[in-house]
């Protein structure tokens, strides 16, 4: 499975999309294949940064693939529009970008087509298969500040989460709330990223203040940059200003939080990762679960199919308490049995119980 990196901002305009795009390029420069998904249903800023802001192709089989020219690491990206069926890129590194925004939503035409192509019961299964077929090492998820079901699932399933915030009263209060939500969801690695920091403040002082306040590590301090303002979202900053202090800060974030962080154990299951937007129930209910039930459910969400013995190893609680919590989750419709492994699986309220095998080409 690829590493999943979620970027969550306390508000719009903090630079979350810019950081997501630059991290994708930096990982590509390090030789990796990266998936970059934007949850903004309006198309988001990611496409603008990569100069694909024109209307997306009508052919649902297509997607954008970006790669670095062999001659230079700072040259403009080589942009190709691939047809997914039988025309997948063979380059050792690059960035996969769906041609339209909101790809995690169930109403996305391309997501629905790919779900049919992969015979997936939910969008998460489609992402898993797509990652396997494209040989992605990382998936970067640009999450919107609003606490939607998609945002909650992204936070719950990410291996690493970067929380962007500005140094003002609103974001200080908002960050505390978001961190509490992440803790309830069991998000494993949470890093703070102060953004648009005034040059009169030293990075050391900002880091000490935030780490003392929230007891969370600071991944890097992003300074307010006149060059970034002048760029006006017309490209990737680290390519146009590779030696800038802001590029250095983003490079340090990539190195510290992604490249040098050991990959958390994830089950090699085709059900691993389930982004969806339930119409019958809200994931906000998960935040109100008793602690043990919430931890069991998030464990199942991350690992796909989990046996009772594995849950006993994950949770230092009496066996009868774990069994009672599992029974409650079954009765409430959150869990089901995996017919292949007899393990526990998350029950997607939007999916049929036993989807029939079918392999079609997206868009057919």
Protein backbone atom coordinates (compact mmCIF):
# COMPACT_ATOMS: atom_id res chain seq x y z
CA UNK A 1 0.00 0.00 0.00
CA UNK A 2 1.18 3.57 -0.62
CA UNK A 3 1.74 5.96 2.25
CA UNK A 4 -1.22 8.33 2.62
CA UNK A 5 -0.36 11.91 3.54
CA UNK A 6 -3.29 14.19 4.44
CA UNK A 7 -3.01 17.97 4.47
CA UNK A 8 -5.65 19.74 6.55
CA UNK A 9 -5.88 23.51 6.95
CA UNK A 10 -7.64 25.41 9.71
CA UNK A 11 -9.20 27.70 7.08
CA UNK A 12 -9.16 28.47 3.36
CA UNK A 13 -6.28 30.56 2.05
CA UNK A 14 -3.61 29.08 4.31
CA UNK A 15 -1.62 27.55 1.45
CA UNK A 16 -2.69 23.94 1.83
CA UNK A 17 -3.02 23.29 -1.92
CA UNK A 18 0.31 24.98 -2.60
CA UNK A 19 2.07 22.79 -0.05
CA UNK A 20 0.35 19.64 -1.37
CA UNK A 21 1.44 20.40 -4.94
CA UNK A 22 5.02 21.24 -3.94
CA UNK A 23 5.34 18.13 -1.78
CA UNK A 24 4.18 16.02 -4.73
CA UNK A 25 6.87 17.56 -6.94
CA UNK A 26 9.56 17.14 -4.28
CA UNK A 27 8.65 13.47 -3.84
CA UNK A 28 8.72 13.02 -7.62
CA UNK A 29 12.17 14.63 -7.71
CA UNK A 30 13.23 12.05 -5.11
CA UNK A 31 12.23 9.30 -7.55
CA UNK A 32 8.72 8.40 -6.39
CA UNK A 33 5.37 7.95 -8.11
CA UNK A 34 2.79 10.12 -6.34
CA UNK A 35 -0.98 10.32 -6.42
CA UNK A 36 -2.36 13.81 -5.77
CA UNK A 37 -6.06 13.99 -4.91
CA UNK A 38 -8.01 17.19 -4.33
CA UNK A 39 -11.28 16.95 -2.40
CA UNK A 40 -12.57 20.36 -3.51
CA UNK A 41 -15.76 19.61 -5.51
CA UNK A 42 -15.32 22.89 -7.42
CA UNK A 43 -12.05 21.75 -8.96
CA UNK A 44 -9.71 23.27 -6.40
CA UNK A 45 -6.42 25.05 -6.72
CA UNK A 46 -4.35 21.95 -7.49
CA UNK A 47 -5.36 21.92 -11.15
CA UNK A 48 -4.56 25.63 -11.51
CA UNK A 49 -1.07 25.13 -10.07
CA UNK A 50 -0.41 22.35 -12.58
CA UNK A 51 -1.85 24.41 -15.46
CA UNK A 52 -4.77 22.09 -16.18
CA UNK A 53 -7.45 24.62 -15.32
CA UNK A 54 -9.11 24.20 -18.71
CA UNK A 55 -12.28 22.07 -18.83
CA UNK A 56 -11.42 18.47 -18.06
CA UNK A 57 -11.55 15.87 -20.84
CA UNK A 58 -14.93 14.32 -21.45
CA UNK A 59 -13.34 10.87 -21.79
CA UNK A 60 -13.54 9.31 -18.34
CA UNK A 61 -10.66 6.97 -19.20
CA UNK A 62 -8.13 9.81 -19.13
CA UNK A 63 -5.98 11.40 -16.46
CA UNK A 64 -2.98 13.72 -16.23
CA UNK A 65 0.52 12.41 -15.64
CA UNK A 66 3.36 14.83 -14.81
CA UNK A 67 7.05 14.04 -14.92
CA UNK A 68 10.38 15.83 -14.76
CA UNK A 69 12.40 16.33 -17.95
CA UNK A 70 15.59 14.30 -17.78
CA UNK A 71 17.76 17.36 -18.52
CA UNK A 72 16.80 19.52 -15.56
CA UNK A 73 15.21 19.19 -12.15
CA UNK A 74 13.86 22.76 -12.32
CA UNK A 75 12.47 22.80 -15.87
CA UNK A 76 8.70 23.03 -16.40
CA UNK A 77 6.91 19.75 -15.85
CA UNK A 78 6.25 17.48 -18.80
CA UNK A 79 2.47 17.18 -18.87
CA UNK A 80 0.79 14.25 -20.60
CA UNK A 81 -2.85 13.30 -20.89
CA UNK A 82 -3.05 9.51 -20.75
CA UNK A 83 -5.85 7.20 -21.58
CA UNK A 84 -6.10 4.85 -18.62
CA UNK A 85 -7.06 1.74 -20.54
CA UNK A 86 -3.84 0.19 -21.86
CA UNK A 87 -1.89 3.47 -21.87
CA UNK A 88 -0.40 3.81 -18.42
CA UNK A 89 2.89 5.67 -17.87
CA UNK A 90 6.10 3.68 -17.62
CA UNK A 91 8.30 6.46 -16.21
CA UNK A 92 10.00 5.60 -12.89
CA UNK A 93 8.61 8.72 -11.19
CA UNK A 94 5.76 11.11 -11.75
CA UNK A 95 2.50 12.56 -10.42
CA UNK A 96 -0.96 11.16 -11.07
CA UNK A 97 -3.69 13.82 -11.08
CA UNK A 98 -7.33 13.13 -11.94
CA UNK A 99 -8.60 15.58 -14.54
CA UNK A 100 -11.44 16.84 -12.34
CA UNK A 101 -11.80 17.88 -8.72
CA UNK A 102 -13.79 16.14 -6.02
CA UNK A 103 -12.61 12.65 -6.94
CA UNK A 104 -13.40 11.26 -3.50
CA UNK A 105 -17.10 12.08 -3.79
CA UNK A 106 -19.46 9.30 -4.79
CA UNK A 107 -21.08 11.52 -7.42
CA UNK A 108 -17.86 12.03 -9.40
CA UNK A 109 -18.34 10.61 -12.89
CA UNK A 110 -14.77 9.39 -13.14
CA UNK A 111 -14.85 7.85 -9.66
CA UNK A 112 -18.05 5.98 -10.51
CA UNK A 113 -16.55 4.77 -13.79
CA UNK A 114 -13.37 3.56 -12.08
CA UNK A 115 -15.40 1.81 -9.38
CA UNK A 116 -17.19 -0.11 -12.11
CA UNK A 117 -13.87 -0.85 -13.84
CA UNK A 118 -12.39 -2.27 -10.63
CA UNK A 119 -15.63 -3.84 -9.38
CA UNK A 120 -15.16 -1.81 -6.19
CA UNK A 121 -17.83 -1.50 -3.54
CA UNK A 122 -16.60 1.96 -2.58
CA UNK A 123 -14.22 4.71 -3.62
CA UNK A 124 -11.52 3.53 -1.21
CA UNK A 125 -11.22 0.18 -2.98
CA UNK A 126 -10.91 2.02 -6.28
CA UNK A 127 -8.07 4.16 -4.92
CA UNK A 128 -6.28 1.04 -3.66
CA UNK A 129 -6.48 -0.69 -7.05
CA UNK A 130 -5.51 2.48 -8.88
CA UNK A 131 -2.48 2.88 -6.62
CA UNK A 132 -1.44 -0.68 -7.30
CA UNK A 133 -1.81 -0.39 -11.07
CA UNK A 134 0.07 2.93 -11.19
CA UNK A 135 2.68 1.70 -8.68
CA UNK A 136 2.18 4.75 -6.46
CA UNK A 137 4.50 5.13 -3.46
CA UNK A 138 2.56 8.00 -1.92
CA UNK A 139 -0.91 9.50 -2.03
CA UNK A 140 -1.18 13.16 -1.02
CA UNK A 141 -4.68 14.17 -0.01
CA UNK A 142 -5.57 17.87 -0.02
CA UNK A 143 -8.45 18.03 2.47
CA UNK A 144 -10.86 20.93 2.66
CA UNK A 145 -11.16 22.83 5.98
CA UNK A 146 -14.84 21.97 6.32
CA UNK A 147 -15.43 18.89 8.50
CA UNK A 148 -17.26 16.74 5.96
CA UNK A 149 -17.40 12.94 5.84
CA UNK A 150 -14.64 12.96 3.21
CA UNK A 151 -12.45 15.09 5.49
CA UNK A 152 -13.04 12.82 8.48
CA UNK A 153 -12.22 9.71 6.49
CA UNK A 154 -9.07 11.27 5.09
CA UNK A 155 -7.90 12.20 8.58
CA UNK A 156 -8.77 8.78 9.97
CA UNK A 157 -6.96 6.83 7.25
CA UNK A 158 -3.84 8.92 6.73
CA UNK A 159 -0.46 7.63 7.86
CA UNK A 160 0.68 11.21 8.40
CA UNK A 161 -1.35 14.41 8.73
CA UNK A 162 -0.02 17.94 8.31
CA UNK A 163 -2.16 20.61 9.96
CA UNK A 164 -1.61 24.06 8.43
CA UNK A 165 -2.38 27.07 10.57
CA UNK A 166 -1.77 30.78 10.77
CA UNK A 167 -0.52 32.49 13.91
CA UNK A 168 -3.72 34.18 15.01
CA UNK A 169 -6.41 33.62 17.63
CA UNK A 170 -8.88 31.95 15.23
CA UNK A 171 -6.43 29.32 14.02
CA UNK A 172 -5.08 28.71 17.54
CA UNK A 173 -8.61 27.83 18.66
CA UNK A 174 -9.46 25.94 15.48
CA UNK A 175 -6.24 23.91 15.63
CA UNK A 176 -7.08 22.69 19.12
CA UNK A 177 -10.48 21.44 17.89
CA UNK A 178 -9.04 19.75 14.79
CA UNK A 179 -6.31 18.04 16.81
CA UNK A 180 -8.93 16.72 19.23
CA UNK A 181 -10.90 15.31 16.29
CA UNK A 182 -7.73 13.68 14.92
CA UNK A 183 -7.01 12.13 18.30
CA UNK A 184 -10.51 10.69 18.49
CA UNK A 185 -10.10 9.26 15.00
CA UNK A 186 -6.79 7.70 15.98
CA UNK A 187 -4.70 9.66 13.47
CA UNK A 188 -1.23 8.28 14.03
CA UNK A 189 1.22 11.06 13.14
CA UNK A 190 0.15 14.70 13.46
CA UNK A 191 2.52 17.50 12.47
CA UNK A 192 1.88 21.24 12.78
CA UNK A 193 2.81 23.54 9.89
CA UNK A 194 2.58 27.28 10.66
CA UNK A 195 2.05 29.13 7.39
CA UNK A 196 2.53 32.70 6.17
CA UNK A 197 4.71 33.49 9.18
CA UNK A 198 5.96 37.09 9.28
CA UNK A 199 9.73 37.46 8.80
CA UNK A 200 10.10 39.29 12.14
CA UNK A 201 9.35 35.99 13.90
CA UNK A 202 12.11 33.39 14.11
CA UNK A 203 11.34 29.79 13.18
CA UNK A 204 12.75 28.64 16.51
CA UNK A 205 10.40 30.89 18.50
CA UNK A 206 7.37 29.80 16.48
CA UNK A 207 8.26 26.15 16.84
CA UNK A 208 8.74 26.43 20.60
CA UNK A 209 5.43 28.27 21.04
CA UNK A 210 3.37 25.75 19.05
CA UNK A 211 4.99 22.62 20.42
CA UNK A 212 4.51 23.92 23.97
CA UNK A 213 0.88 24.83 23.29
CA UNK A 214 -0.26 21.68 21.50
CA UNK A 215 2.33 19.08 22.50
CA UNK A 216 2.72 18.21 18.82
CA UNK A 217 5.86 18.49 16.66
CA UNK A 218 6.27 21.26 14.10
CA UNK A 219 7.19 19.88 10.68
CA UNK A 220 8.44 23.19 9.33
CA UNK A 221 7.75 26.91 9.38
CA UNK A 222 6.53 28.42 6.10
CA UNK A 223 7.46 32.12 5.92
CA UNK A 224 5.32 34.77 4.25
CA UNK A 225 6.91 35.22 0.83
CA UNK A 226 6.56 38.10 -1.61
CA UNK A 227 7.71 35.76 -4.38
CA UNK A 228 4.86 33.38 -3.60
CA UNK A 229 2.37 36.26 -3.83
CA UNK A 230 3.84 37.37 -7.15
CA UNK A 231 3.62 33.84 -8.50
CA UNK A 232 -0.17 34.16 -8.17
CA UNK A 233 -0.75 30.39 -8.41
CA UNK A 234 0.85 30.29 -11.85
CA UNK A 235 3.06 27.27 -11.26
CA UNK A 236 4.91 25.23 -8.65
CA UNK A 237 6.98 27.39 -6.32
CA UNK A 238 9.83 24.96 -5.65
CA UNK A 239 10.46 24.63 -9.41
CA UNK A 240 10.54 28.36 -10.08
CA UNK A 241 12.43 29.27 -6.89
CA UNK A 242 14.40 26.14 -5.95
CA UNK A 243 16.88 28.01 -3.71
CA UNK A 244 14.30 30.13 -1.89
CA UNK A 245 13.95 29.84 1.89
CA UNK A 246 10.29 28.81 1.39
CA UNK A 247 11.36 25.99 -0.94
CA UNK A 248 13.91 24.92 1.66
CA UNK A 249 11.18 24.83 4.31
CA UNK A 250 8.89 22.69 2.13
CA UNK A 251 11.81 20.40 1.27
CA UNK A 252 12.49 19.97 4.99
CA UNK A 253 8.84 19.07 5.58
CA UNK A 254 8.98 16.41 2.86
CA UNK A 255 12.19 14.97 4.26
CA UNK A 256 11.19 14.97 7.92
CA UNK A 257 7.54 13.94 7.78
CA UNK A 258 7.39 11.75 4.69
CA UNK A 259 10.67 10.40 3.38
CA UNK A 260 12.29 9.73 6.77
CA UNK A 261 9.20 8.56 8.64
CA UNK A 262 8.84 4.74 8.84
CA UNK A 263 5.73 3.47 7.10
CA UNK A 264 3.07 2.37 9.55
CA UNK A 265 1.91 -1.21 9.24
CA UNK A 266 -1.07 -1.52 6.91
CA UNK A 267 -2.82 -4.71 5.94
CA UNK A 268 -2.40 -5.74 2.29
CA UNK A 269 -6.12 -5.90 1.72
CA UNK A 270 -8.13 -4.80 -1.28
CA UNK A 271 -10.48 -3.12 1.19
CA UNK A 272 -7.74 -1.03 2.78
CA UNK A 273 -8.91 2.56 2.83
CA UNK A 274 -12.50 3.57 2.33
CA UNK A 275 -13.21 7.14 1.32
CA UNK A 276 -16.91 7.58 0.92
CA UNK A 277 -19.69 9.97 1.69
CA UNK A 278 -22.49 8.10 3.39
CA UNK A 279 -26.03 9.23 2.64
CA UNK A 280 -27.52 7.05 5.40
CA UNK A 281 -25.32 7.95 8.34
CA UNK A 282 -22.67 10.47 9.18
CA UNK A 283 -19.16 9.70 10.30
CA UNK A 284 -19.55 12.39 12.92
CA UNK A 285 -21.29 9.68 14.96
CA UNK A 286 -17.91 7.98 15.24
CA UNK A 287 -16.62 10.90 17.33
CA UNK A 288 -19.28 10.21 19.97
CA UNK A 289 -18.55 6.47 20.27
CA UNK A 290 -17.16 5.06 23.50
CA UNK A 291 -13.37 5.02 23.29
CA UNK A 292 -12.98 1.27 22.75
CA UNK A 293 -15.66 1.08 20.03
CA UNK A 294 -14.14 4.08 18.25
CA UNK A 295 -10.65 2.57 18.35
CA UNK A 296 -11.89 -0.80 17.07
CA UNK A 297 -13.73 0.82 14.18
CA UNK A 298 -10.79 2.98 13.13
CA UNK A 299 -8.51 -0.08 13.29
CA UNK A 300 -10.85 -1.93 10.94
CA UNK A 301 -11.10 1.11 8.65
CA UNK A 302 -7.32 1.29 8.26
CA UNK A 303 -6.57 -2.40 7.89
CA UNK A 304 -9.53 -3.55 5.82
CA UNK A 305 -10.18 -6.98 7.30
CA UNK A 306 -9.16 -7.65 10.92
CA UNK A 307 -9.51 -10.86 12.91
CA UNK A 308 -10.55 -10.96 16.55
CA UNK A 309 -7.04 -12.12 17.51
CA UNK A 310 -5.52 -9.11 15.75
CA UNK A 311 -7.88 -6.77 17.58
CA UNK A 312 -6.84 -8.34 20.88
CA UNK A 313 -3.23 -7.49 20.02
CA UNK A 314 -4.10 -3.91 19.04
CA UNK A 315 -6.11 -3.07 22.16
CA UNK A 316 -5.00 -3.64 25.73
CA UNK A 317 -8.50 -4.31 27.04
CA UNK A 318 -10.19 -7.41 28.52
CA UNK A 319 -11.41 -9.90 25.91
CA UNK A 320 -15.01 -9.65 27.08
CA UNK A 321 -14.96 -5.84 26.76
CA UNK A 322 -13.63 -6.10 23.19
CA UNK A 323 -16.24 -8.73 22.32
CA UNK A 324 -19.02 -6.53 23.73
CA UNK A 325 -17.79 -3.51 21.76
CA UNK A 326 -17.65 -5.55 18.54
CA UNK A 327 -21.19 -6.79 19.18
CA UNK A 328 -22.39 -3.19 19.56
CA UNK A 329 -20.76 -2.22 16.25
CA UNK A 330 -22.42 -5.18 14.55
CA UNK A 331 -25.83 -4.27 15.94
CA UNK A 332 -25.41 -0.65 14.85
CA UNK A 333 -24.49 -1.75 11.32
CA UNK A 334 -20.90 -0.50 11.29
CA UNK A 335 -19.22 -3.91 10.92
CA UNK A 336 -19.75 -7.00 8.82
CA UNK A 337 -17.95 -10.32 8.29
CA UNK A 338 -15.40 -10.78 5.53
CA UNK A 339 -16.59 -13.92 3.67
CA UNK A 340 -13.04 -14.78 2.61
CA UNK A 341 -11.13 -14.40 5.86
CA UNK A 342 -13.98 -14.42 8.43
CA UNK A 343 -12.44 -11.21 9.74
CA UNK A 344 -14.25 -8.00 10.57
CA UNK A 345 -14.80 -5.42 7.83
CA UNK A 346 -16.29 -1.97 7.75
CA UNK A 347 -19.82 -2.00 6.38
CA UNK A 348 -20.30 0.74 3.78
CA UNK A 349 -23.89 1.90 4.03
CA UNK A 350 -23.85 2.85 0.34
CA UNK A 351 -22.56 -0.47 -1.00
CA UNK A 352 -24.49 -3.61 -1.82
CA UNK A 353 -23.69 -6.55 0.42
CA UNK A 354 -22.32 -8.78 -2.34
CA UNK A 355 -21.38 -6.88 -5.49
CA UNK A 356 -21.31 -9.11 -8.51
CA UNK A 357 -17.99 -9.45 -10.34
CA UNK A 358 -17.84 -7.21 -13.36
CA UNK A 359 -14.89 -5.73 -15.19
CA UNK A 360 -15.71 -2.87 -17.50
CA UNK A 361 -13.63 -0.09 -18.93
CA UNK A 362 -14.23 3.30 -17.31
CA UNK A 363 -16.53 5.39 -19.40
CA UNK A 364 -17.89 2.46 -21.45
